[in-house]
Amino acid sequence: MTNNSKIALVTGGSRGLGKNMALSLAKRGIDVILTYNSKHDEAQQVVAEIEQLGQKAAALQFSAGEISSFDAFIIKVQETLTNTFNTDHFDFLINNAGTALYASFAETTEEQFDTALNIHYKGVFFLTQKSLPIINDGGRIINISSGLARFSFPGSSAYGSMKGAVEVLTRYLAKELGPRRIGANVVAPGAIETDFGGGHVRDNDDVNANIASLTALGRVGLPDDIGGVVAFLCTEDARWINGQRIEVSGGMNL
């Protein structure tokens, strides 16, 4: 079973940064499987946009924090690879799915912590592990972190530290998957104008202005600032970048 195009699996690809990543990959000639949590119609719209760009695409429902569902999800991925893409492996895993958690350290509940941990760390760990048999040798893993793993804003202690854990994990992936020529890198966006966290950055003028003032390039980030970087890391031009953290923040808190 062969498919001439490379294939990327983008979690959380129905909207926001994930959508931008999916479209950026398609513009570089890469086919896409994207996942969505609940926004089926939005996901299908992204599939249609990718197909308009001349690439194949499919959308699958995926709950990033429900680890017990991952085995069944991998079976769905395998079926989709066979039926839509005429192959049995994919090349690029982009662990993007995520939710926001804004709570002070003193007030973060165990329930909030566990929900975020499953989505942002445990889910990344085990989805990647369970995907290994169907990722092609020479493929890439790109984990999406956050500027909040380097600099600190009150209210993001749980989220930021979990992203920090993903960054350490990525270096281990690069080391342990090296014999298969699978590279692993982190893309860490700064603050971006999306509906993430209820549009926290996009819709709150004070937050937006404050972030712009902390950013060397003088504005808040946009989805178009991020997707192309992820797509670049899936190209041959990026083949020798491995085990690295690439912050895409316009120069926040330098």
C-alpha atoms as a PDB file:
ATOM      1  CA  MET A   1       0.000   0.000   0.000  1.00  0.00           C
ATOM      2  CA  THR A   2       1.598   3.238  -1.097  1.00  0.00           C
ATOM      3  CA  ASN A   3       0.684   6.891  -1.100  1.00  0.00           C
ATOM      4  CA  ASN A   4       3.101   9.324  -2.686  1.00  0.00           C
ATOM      5  CA  SER A   5       2.129  12.192  -0.406  1.00  0.00           C
ATOM      6  CA  LYS A   6       3.364  12.446   3.142  1.00  0.00           C
ATOM      7  CA  ILE A   7       0.579  12.380   5.739  1.00  0.00           C
ATOM      8  CA  ALA A   8       0.289  14.390   8.956  1.00  0.00           C
ATOM      9  CA  LEU A   9      -1.971  13.686  11.936  1.00  0.00           C
ATOM     10  CA  VAL A  10      -2.897  16.970  13.621  1.00  0.00           C
ATOM     11  CA  THR A  11      -4.794  16.744  16.901  1.00  0.00           C
ATOM     12  CA  GLY A  12      -7.172  19.616  17.561  1.00  0.00           C
ATOM     13  CA  GLY A  13      -7.136  20.575  13.887  1.00  0.00           C
ATOM     14  CA  SER A  14     -10.671  21.894  13.498  1.00  0.00           C
ATOM     15  CA  ARG A  15     -10.036  25.455  14.649  1.00  0.00           C
ATOM     16  CA  GLY A  16      -7.483  27.943  15.929  1.00  0.00           C
ATOM     17  CA  LEU A  17      -3.818  27.078  15.651  1.00  0.00           C
ATOM     18  CA  GLY A  18      -4.509  23.463  14.686  1.00  0.00           C
ATOM     19  CA  LYS A  19      -6.590  24.547  11.700  1.00  0.00           C
ATOM     20  CA  ASN A  20      -3.822  26.886  10.601  1.00  0.00           C
ATOM     21  CA  MET A  21      -1.278  24.078  10.936  1.00  0.00           C
ATOM     22  CA  ALA A  22      -3.449  21.705   8.900  1.00  0.00           C
ATOM     23  CA  LEU A  23      -3.900  24.229   6.083  1.00  0.00           C
ATOM     24  CA  SER A  24      -0.209  25.163   6.138  1.00  0.00           C
ATOM     25  CA  LEU A  25       0.739  21.495   5.801  1.00  0.00           C
ATOM     26  CA  ALA A  26      -1.655  21.086   2.883  1.00  0.00           C
ATOM     27  CA  LYS A  27      -0.127  24.104   1.135  1.00  0.00           C
ATOM     28  CA  ARG A  28       3.205  22.258   1.285  1.00  0.00           C
ATOM     29  CA  GLY A  29       1.738  19.199  -0.391  1.00  0.00           C
ATOM     30  CA  ILE A  30       1.121  17.136   2.749  1.00  0.00           C
ATOM     31  CA  ASP A  31      -2.109  15.180   3.277  1.00  0.00           C
ATOM     32  CA  VAL A  32      -3.824  15.621   6.656  1.00  0.00           C
ATOM     33  CA  ILE A  33      -5.811  13.648   9.181  1.00  0.00           C
ATOM     34  CA  LEU A  34      -7.158  16.144  11.688  1.00  0.00           C
ATOM     35  CA  THR A  35      -8.989  15.496  14.907  1.00  0.00           C
ATOM     36  CA  TYR A  36     -11.757  17.391  16.635  1.00  0.00           C
ATOM     37  CA  ASN A  37     -13.293  17.059  20.068  1.00  0.00           C
ATOM     38  CA  SER A  38     -16.888  18.175  19.417  1.00  0.00           C
ATOM     39  CA  LYS A  39     -16.868  20.553  16.422  1.00  0.00           C
ATOM     40  CA  HIS A  40     -17.721  18.055  13.678  1.00  0.00           C
ATOM     41  CA  ASP A  41     -18.998  20.638  11.183  1.00  0.00           C
ATOM     42  CA  GLU A  42     -15.969  22.898  11.650  1.00  0.00           C
ATOM     43  CA  ALA A  43     -13.681  19.910  11.133  1.00  0.00           C
ATOM     44  CA  GLN A  44     -15.437  18.959   7.912  1.00  0.00           C
ATOM     45  CA  GLN A  45     -15.050  22.531   6.686  1.00  0.00           C
ATOM     46  CA  VAL A  46     -11.287  22.286   7.226  1.00  0.00           C
ATOM     47  CA  VAL A  47     -11.279  18.983   5.329  1.00  0.00           C
ATOM     48  CA  ALA A  48     -13.053  20.739   2.441  1.00  0.00           C
ATOM     49  CA  GLU A  49     -10.520  23.584   2.477  1.00  0.00           C
ATOM     50  CA  ILE A  50      -7.630  21.098   2.370  1.00  0.00           C
ATOM     51  CA  GLU A  51      -9.231  19.257  -0.533  1.00  0.00           C
ATOM     52  CA  GLN A  52      -9.598  22.578  -2.363  1.00  0.00           C
ATOM     53  CA  LEU A  53      -5.820  22.923  -2.009  1.00  0.00           C
ATOM     54  CA  GLY A  54      -5.433  19.626  -3.842  1.00  0.00           C
ATOM     55  CA  GLN A  55      -4.589  17.370  -0.898  1.00  0.00           C
ATOM     56  CA  LYS A  56      -6.434  14.496   0.720  1.00  0.00           C
ATOM     57  CA  ALA A  57      -7.883  14.972   4.192  1.00  0.00           C
ATOM     58  CA  ALA A  58     -10.048  13.290   6.818  1.00  0.00           C
ATOM     59  CA  ALA A  59     -11.423  14.284  10.228  1.00  0.00           C
ATOM     60  CA  LEU A  60     -11.758  11.962  13.225  1.00  0.00           C
ATOM     61  CA  GLN A  61     -13.313  12.553  16.629  1.00  0.00           C
ATOM     62  CA  PHE A  62     -10.708  12.368  19.393  1.00  0.00           C
ATOM     63  CA  SER A  63     -10.853  13.117  23.117  1.00  0.00           C
ATOM     64  CA  ALA A  64      -7.284  14.059  23.975  1.00  0.00           C
ATOM     65  CA  GLY A  65      -7.708  13.487  27.706  1.00  0.00           C
ATOM     66  CA  GLU A  66      -9.464  10.101  27.570  1.00  0.00           C
ATOM     67  CA  ILE A  67      -6.455   7.796  27.474  1.00  0.00           C
ATOM     68  CA  SER A  68      -8.638   4.678  27.565  1.00  0.00           C
ATOM     69  CA  SER A  69     -10.059   5.634  24.140  1.00  0.00           C
ATOM     70  CA  PHE A  70      -6.677   5.775  22.406  1.00  0.00           C
ATOM     71  CA  ASP A  71      -6.502   2.139  21.284  1.00  0.00           C
ATOM     72  CA  ALA A  72      -9.841   2.485  19.505  1.00  0.00           C
ATOM     73  CA  PHE A  73      -8.721   5.801  18.044  1.00  0.00           C
ATOM     74  CA  ILE A  74      -5.557   4.244  16.587  1.00  0.00           C
ATOM     75  CA  ILE A  75      -7.740   1.594  14.923  1.00  0.00           C
ATOM     76  CA  LYS A  76      -9.820   4.412  13.395  1.00  0.00           C
ATOM     77  CA  VAL A  77      -6.629   6.055  12.152  1.00  0.00           C
ATOM     78  CA  GLN A  78      -5.519   2.777  10.560  1.00  0.00           C
ATOM     79  CA  GLU A  79      -8.889   2.354   8.851  1.00  0.00           C
ATOM     80  CA  THR A  80      -8.756   5.938   7.596  1.00  0.00           C
ATOM     81  CA  LEU A  81      -5.230   5.486   6.266  1.00  0.00           C
ATOM     82  CA  THR A  82      -6.403   2.441   4.311  1.00  0.00           C
ATOM     83  CA  ASN A  83      -9.700   3.810   3.031  1.00  0.00           C
ATOM     84  CA  THR A  84      -8.845   7.459   2.348  1.00  0.00           C
ATOM     85  CA  PHE A  85      -5.109   7.479   1.739  1.00  0.00           C
ATOM     86  CA  ASN A  86      -4.423   3.962   0.388  1.00  0.00           C
ATOM     87  CA  THR A  87      -1.594   3.343   2.849  1.00  0.00           C
ATOM     88  CA  ASP A  88      -1.049   1.937   6.331  1.00  0.00           C
ATOM     89  CA  HIS A  89       1.361   4.467   7.895  1.00  0.00           C
ATOM     90  CA  PHE A  90       1.608   8.218   8.387  1.00  0.00           C
ATOM     91  CA  ASP A  91       4.627  10.487   8.671  1.00  0.00           C
ATOM     92  CA  PHE A  92       4.079  13.434  10.997  1.00  0.00           C
ATOM     93  CA  LEU A  93       2.368  13.544  14.407  1.00  0.00           C
ATOM     94  CA  ILE A  94       1.495  17.046  15.601  1.00  0.00           C
ATOM     95  CA  ASN A  95       0.319  16.958  19.227  1.00  0.00           C
ATOM     96  CA  ASN A  96      -1.629  20.207  19.275  1.00  0.00           C
ATOM     97  CA  ALA A  97      -4.966  19.500  21.018  1.00  0.00           C
ATOM     98  CA  GLY A  98      -5.363  21.423  24.237  1.00  0.00           C
ATOM     99  CA  THR A  99      -7.552  23.453  26.537  1.00  0.00           C
ATOM    100  CA  ALA A 100      -6.842  26.503  28.627  1.00  0.00           C
ATOM    101  CA  LEU A 101      -6.574  26.560  32.410  1.00  0.00           C
ATOM    102  CA  TYR A 102      -6.459  29.965  34.084  1.00  0.00           C
ATOM    103  CA  ALA A 103      -6.310  29.605  37.866  1.00  0.00           C
ATOM    104  CA  SER A 104      -3.949  30.865  40.516  1.00  0.00           C
ATOM    105  CA  PHE A 105      -1.659  28.311  42.108  1.00  0.00           C
ATOM    106  CA  ALA A 106      -3.476  28.717  45.435  1.00  0.00           C
ATOM    107  CA  GLU A 107      -6.888  28.054  43.891  1.00  0.00           C
ATOM    108  CA  THR A 108      -6.146  25.314  41.325  1.00  0.00           C
ATOM    109  CA  THR A 109      -8.229  22.261  42.197  1.00  0.00           C
ATOM    110  CA  GLU A 110      -7.139  18.654  41.866  1.00  0.00           C
ATOM    111  CA  GLU A 111      -9.931  18.108  39.348  1.00  0.00           C
ATOM    112  CA  GLN A 112      -8.691  20.988  37.180  1.00  0.00           C
ATOM    113  CA  PHE A 113      -5.145  19.684  37.497  1.00  0.00           C
ATOM    114  CA  ASP A 114      -6.019  16.109  36.540  1.00  0.00           C
ATOM    115  CA  THR A 115      -8.109  17.187  33.549  1.00  0.00           C
ATOM    116  CA  ALA A 116      -5.300  19.379  32.235  1.00  0.00           C
ATOM    117  CA  LEU A 117      -2.645  16.750  32.957  1.00  0.00           C
ATOM    118  CA  ASN A 118      -4.497  14.105  30.944  1.00  0.00           C
ATOM    119  CA  ILE A 119      -4.896  16.399  27.946  1.00  0.00           C
ATOM    120  CA  HIS A 120      -1.570  18.205  27.966  1.00  0.00           C
ATOM    121  CA  TYR A 121       0.893  15.595  29.160  1.00  0.00           C
ATOM    122  CA  LYS A 122      -0.409  12.075  29.681  1.00  0.00           C
ATOM    123  CA  GLY A 123      -2.386  12.243  26.445  1.00  0.00           C
ATOM    124  CA  VAL A 124       0.632  13.444  24.470  1.00  0.00           C
ATOM    125  CA  PHE A 125       2.804  10.739  26.016  1.00  0.00           C
ATOM    126  CA  PHE A 126       0.486   7.838  25.263  1.00  0.00           C
ATOM    127  CA  LEU A 127      -0.903   8.974  21.906  1.00  0.00           C
ATOM    128  CA  THR A 128       2.672   9.255  20.679  1.00  0.00           C
ATOM    129  CA  GLN A 129       3.556   5.873  22.163  1.00  0.00           C
ATOM    130  CA  LYS A 130       0.533   4.170  20.616  1.00  0.00           C
ATOM    131  CA  SER A 131       1.198   5.830  17.243  1.00  0.00           C
ATOM    132  CA  LEU A 132       4.759   4.518  16.956  1.00  0.00           C
ATOM    133  CA  PRO A 133       3.836   1.299  15.077  1.00  0.00           C
ATOM    134  CA  ILE A 134       2.139   3.304  12.306  1.00  0.00           C
ATOM    135  CA  ILE A 135       4.563   6.242  12.001  1.00  0.00           C
ATOM    136  CA  ASN A 136       6.990   5.802   9.138  1.00  0.00           C
ATOM    137  CA  ASP A 137      10.698   5.625   9.860  1.00  0.00           C
ATOM    138  CA  GLY A 138      12.111   9.032   9.016  1.00  0.00           C
ATOM    139  CA  GLY A 139       8.950  10.756  10.265  1.00  0.00           C
ATOM    140  CA  ARG A 140       8.604  13.634  12.698  1.00  0.00           C
ATOM    141  CA  ILE A 141       6.858  14.372  15.973  1.00  0.00           C
ATOM    142  CA  ILE A 142       6.031  17.979  16.777  1.00  0.00           C
ATOM    143  CA  ASN A 143       4.732  18.788  20.225  1.00  0.00           C
ATOM    144  CA  ILE A 144       3.028  22.120  20.817  1.00  0.00           C
ATOM    145  CA  SER A 145       4.139  23.797  24.009  1.00  0.00           C
ATOM    146  CA  SER A 146       3.801  27.409  25.111  1.00  0.00           C
ATOM    147  CA  GLY A 147       5.868  30.447  25.887  1.00  0.00           C
ATOM    148  CA  LEU A 148       4.517  29.914  29.411  1.00  0.00           C
ATOM    149  CA  ALA A 149       7.027  27.088  29.876  1.00  0.00           C
ATOM    150  CA  ARG A 150       9.838  29.709  29.696  1.00  0.00           C
ATOM    151  CA  PHE A 151       8.278  32.826  31.222  1.00  0.00           C
ATOM    152  CA  SER A 152       5.666  33.015  33.944  1.00  0.00           C
ATOM    153  CA  PHE A 153       2.323  34.789  34.171  1.00  0.00           C
ATOM    154  CA  PRO A 154       0.268  34.318  37.348  1.00  0.00           C
ATOM    155  CA  GLY A 155      -2.593  31.913  36.739  1.00  0.00           C
ATOM    156  CA  SER A 156      -0.808  29.408  34.528  1.00  0.00           C
ATOM    157  CA  SER A 157       1.215  27.339  37.005  1.00  0.00           C
ATOM    158  CA  ALA A 158      -0.428  24.011  36.128  1.00  0.00           C
ATOM    159  CA  TYR A 159      -0.662  24.598  32.383  1.00  0.00           C
ATOM    160  CA  GLY A 160       2.853  26.024  32.072  1.00  0.00           C
ATOM    161  CA  SER A 161       4.508  23.271  34.093  1.00  0.00           C
ATOM    162  CA  MET A 162       2.744  20.572  32.059  1.00  0.00           C
ATOM    163  CA  LYS A 163       4.020  22.192  28.877  1.00  0.00           C
ATOM    164  CA  GLY A 164       7.466  22.145  30.478  1.00  0.00           C
ATOM    165  CA  ALA A 165       7.089  18.408  30.987  1.00  0.00           C
ATOM    166  CA  VAL A 166       6.228  17.987  27.300  1.00  0.00           C
ATOM    167  CA  GLU A 167       9.401  19.864  26.380  1.00  0.00           C
ATOM    168  CA  VAL A 168      11.553  17.469  28.422  1.00  0.00           C
ATOM    169  CA  LEU A 169       9.658  14.500  26.978  1.00  0.00           C
ATOM    170  CA  THR A 170      10.391  15.747  23.460  1.00  0.00           C
ATOM    171  CA  ARG A 171      14.135  15.516  24.020  1.00  0.00           C
ATOM    172  CA  TYR A 172      13.715  11.927  25.207  1.00  0.00           C
ATOM    173  CA  LEU A 173      11.638  11.137  22.119  1.00  0.00           C
ATOM    174  CA  ALA A 174      14.353  12.558  19.889  1.00  0.00           C
ATOM    175  CA  LYS A 175      16.955  10.404  21.636  1.00  0.00           C
ATOM    176  CA  GLU A 176      14.998   7.153  21.801  1.00  0.00           C
ATOM    177  CA  LEU A 177      13.469   7.375  18.312  1.00  0.00           C
ATOM    178  CA  GLY A 178      16.717   8.417  16.667  1.00  0.00           C
ATOM    179  CA  PRO A 179      17.507   4.851  15.527  1.00  0.00           C
ATOM    180  CA  ARG A 180      14.322   5.046  13.415  1.00  0.00           C
ATOM    181  CA  ARG A 181      15.362   8.482  12.080  1.00  0.00           C
ATOM    182  CA  ILE A 182      12.235   9.992  13.642  1.00  0.00           C
ATOM    183  CA  GLY A 183      12.855  13.575  14.725  1.00  0.00           C
ATOM    184  CA  ALA A 184      11.042  15.267  17.593  1.00  0.00           C
ATOM    185  CA  ASN A 185      10.773  18.986  18.214  1.00  0.00           C
ATOM    186  CA  VAL A 186       8.733  21.514  20.188  1.00  0.00           C
ATOM    187  CA  VAL A 187       6.978  24.566  18.799  1.00  0.00           C
ATOM    188  CA  ALA A 188       6.145  26.985  21.621  1.00  0.00           C
ATOM    189  CA  PRO A 189       3.746  29.753  20.567  1.00  0.00           C
ATOM    190  CA  GLY A 190       3.528  32.966  22.498  1.00  0.00           C
ATOM    191  CA  ALA A 191       0.174  34.578  23.142  1.00  0.00           C
ATOM    192  CA  ILE A 192      -2.028  34.211  20.042  1.00  0.00           C
ATOM    193  CA  GLU A 193      -5.355  35.769  19.053  1.00  0.00           C
ATOM    194  CA  THR A 194      -7.687  32.742  18.828  1.00  0.00           C
ATOM    195  CA  ASP A 195     -10.794  31.504  20.629  1.00  0.00           C
ATOM    196  CA  PHE A 196      -8.474  29.524  22.960  1.00  0.00           C
ATOM    197  CA  GLY A 197      -9.425  30.058  26.586  1.00  0.00           C
ATOM    198  CA  GLY A 198     -12.638  31.781  25.540  1.00  0.00           C
ATOM    199  CA  GLY A 199     -10.771  34.303  23.401  1.00  0.00           C
ATOM    200  CA  HIS A 200      -8.797  35.477  26.454  1.00  0.00           C
ATOM    201  CA  VAL A 201      -6.013  37.107  24.427  1.00  0.00           C
ATOM    202  CA  ARG A 202      -8.058  38.097  21.386  1.00  0.00           C
ATOM    203  CA  ASP A 203     -11.038  39.740  23.101  1.00  0.00           C
ATOM    204  CA  ASN A 204      -9.625  41.345  26.260  1.00  0.00           C
ATOM    205  CA  ASP A 205      -8.170  44.682  25.174  1.00  0.00           C
ATOM    206  CA  ASP A 206      -6.104  45.114  28.334  1.00  0.00           C
ATOM    207  CA  VAL A 207      -4.548  41.647  28.012  1.00  0.00           C
ATOM    208  CA  ASN A 208      -3.918  42.212  24.319  1.00  0.00           C
ATOM    209  CA  ALA A 209      -2.223  45.573  24.872  1.00  0.00           C
ATOM    210  CA  ASN A 210      -0.118  44.240  27.738  1.00  0.00           C
ATOM    211  CA  ILE A 211       1.174  41.314  25.676  1.00  0.00           C
ATOM    212  CA  ALA A 212       1.946  43.610  22.734  1.00  0.00           C
ATOM    213  CA  SER A 213       3.979  45.823  25.081  1.00  0.00           C
ATOM    214  CA  LEU A 214       6.023  42.791  26.216  1.00  0.00           C
ATOM    215  CA  THR A 215       6.709  41.622  22.664  1.00  0.00           C
ATOM    216  CA  ALA A 216       9.720  42.880  20.712  1.00  0.00           C
ATOM    217  CA  LEU A 217       7.748  43.001  17.453  1.00  0.00           C
ATOM    218  CA  GLY A 218       5.025  45.034  19.154  1.00  0.00           C
ATOM    219  CA  ARG A 219       1.875  43.002  18.631  1.00  0.00           C
ATOM    220  CA  VAL A 220       0.061  39.856  19.721  1.00  0.00           C
ATOM    221  CA  GLY A 221       0.556  36.735  17.603  1.00  0.00           C
ATOM    222  CA  LEU A 222      -1.888  35.475  14.980  1.00  0.00           C
ATOM    223  CA  PRO A 223      -2.580  31.876  13.878  1.00  0.00           C
ATOM    224  CA  ASP A 224      -0.821  32.602  10.569  1.00  0.00           C
ATOM    225  CA  ASP A 225       2.370  33.200  12.560  1.00  0.00           C
ATOM    226  CA  ILE A 226       2.429  29.591  13.785  1.00  0.00           C
ATOM    227  CA  GLY A 227       1.152  27.110  11.195  1.00  0.00           C
ATOM    228  CA  GLY A 228       3.937  27.698   8.710  1.00  0.00           C
ATOM    229  CA  VAL A 229       6.597  26.957  11.316  1.00  0.00           C
ATOM    230  CA  VAL A 230       5.018  23.582  12.086  1.00  0.00           C
ATOM    231  CA  ALA A 231       4.739  22.832   8.369  1.00  0.00           C
ATOM    232  CA  PHE A 232       8.387  23.800   7.833  1.00  0.00           C
ATOM    233  CA  LEU A 233       9.470  21.299  10.494  1.00  0.00           C
ATOM    234  CA  CYS A 234       7.787  18.587   8.408  1.00  0.00           C
ATOM    235  CA  THR A 235       9.870  19.383   5.314  1.00  0.00           C
ATOM    236  CA  GLU A 236      13.249  18.096   4.181  1.00  0.00           C
ATOM    237  CA  ASP A 237      14.699  21.562   4.799  1.00  0.00           C
ATOM    238  CA  ALA A 238      14.209  20.906   8.541  1.00  0.00           C
ATOM    239  CA  ARG A 239      15.622  17.369   8.546  1.00  0.00           C
ATOM    240  CA  TRP A 240      18.585  18.227  10.794  1.00  0.00           C
ATOM    241  CA  ILE A 241      16.551  20.068  13.449  1.00  0.00           C
ATOM    242  CA  ASN A 242      15.992  17.590  16.260  1.00  0.00           C
ATOM    243  CA  GLY A 243      15.299  17.742  19.980  1.00  0.00           C
ATOM    244  CA  GLN A 244      14.815  21.504  19.802  1.00  0.00           C
ATOM    245  CA  ARG A 245      12.387  24.022  21.285  1.00  0.00           C
ATOM    246  CA  ILE A 246      11.412  26.709  18.797  1.00  0.00           C
ATOM    247  CA  GLU A 247       9.563  29.566  20.429  1.00  0.00           C
ATOM    248  CA  VAL A 248       7.320  31.484  18.029  1.00  0.00           C
ATOM    249  CA  SER A 249       6.340  34.505  20.086  1.00  0.00           C
ATOM    250  CA  GLY A 250       7.602  37.593  18.270  1.00  0.00           C
ATOM    251  CA  GLY A 251      10.133  37.981  21.066  1.00  0.00           C
ATOM    252  CA  MET A 252       8.071  37.980  24.270  1.00  0.00           C
ATOM    253  CA  ASN A 253       9.832  38.802  27.532  1.00  0.00           C
ATOM    254  CA  LEU A 254      13.303  38.947  26.026  1.00  0.00           C
END
